[in-house]
C-alpha cells in the first residue's frame, strides 16, 4: 500500500490505514468505526485492542456510512474525499478531516478545506505521519477553527438541502436527465 509513517513508538507504520488507525486510537477522542478491522487487529491482540479502545468506539469490518454519519454523536469524518462521501457528509452537516489519495479527491479536498472551509486537511509531505492525523483531529475538535468549520458546515447543509429539494437545481437537473433517457 505504501504511504506509511512513523508511529508513536518509533517504528514505521506499514500502510496509510495503519497510520490512520494508530493516530485515531492514540488520540483521546471517541470514534466509530474504523472500517479496516484487519489492519486494526494486526496492530494489537484483540483483547489489547478492546482495552485501548474502551468505551470510545469499536472496530467493525463494514458500516452503513450514511447511517453512521447521521448519528448525532458523529462530529467529524475522516475521509479520502471521494465525491459520494463528501456529499453524504455535507448533507448531514458533518465536518471532514480530509486525506485525499488520488485524482479528483485532491480537487474535492481543496474545495472542502480551502473554498467551502468545512473541513481540515491532513498535512502530508512524502508520507502520512501519525502526528499529522492527530493534529488534524485536534484542529477540528478543539478551538476556534473547529467551531468556524462546524458553523460553515451547517450553512452549507442548508444550501445542499435547497438544491436537492423538489424544484431545486439538482432536482431539476436530475429530472432533465431522467426525461432525456426515457
Foldseek 3Di string as FASTA:
>chain_A
DDQWAAAPVGDTDPDPLLLLLRLVLVQPAADEESQCPVSLCVVDPVVVSCVSNPPRYYYHNDDDLLVVLLDPVQQEAEDLQDPVSVVSNLLNLHAYEHDHDDDPSVVSVCCSCPPLNLAHYQDDDPHRHSVSSNVRVCLLPDDDSVVVNSVSSVVSNVVSCQQPPVPHVVNVVVVVVVVVVD
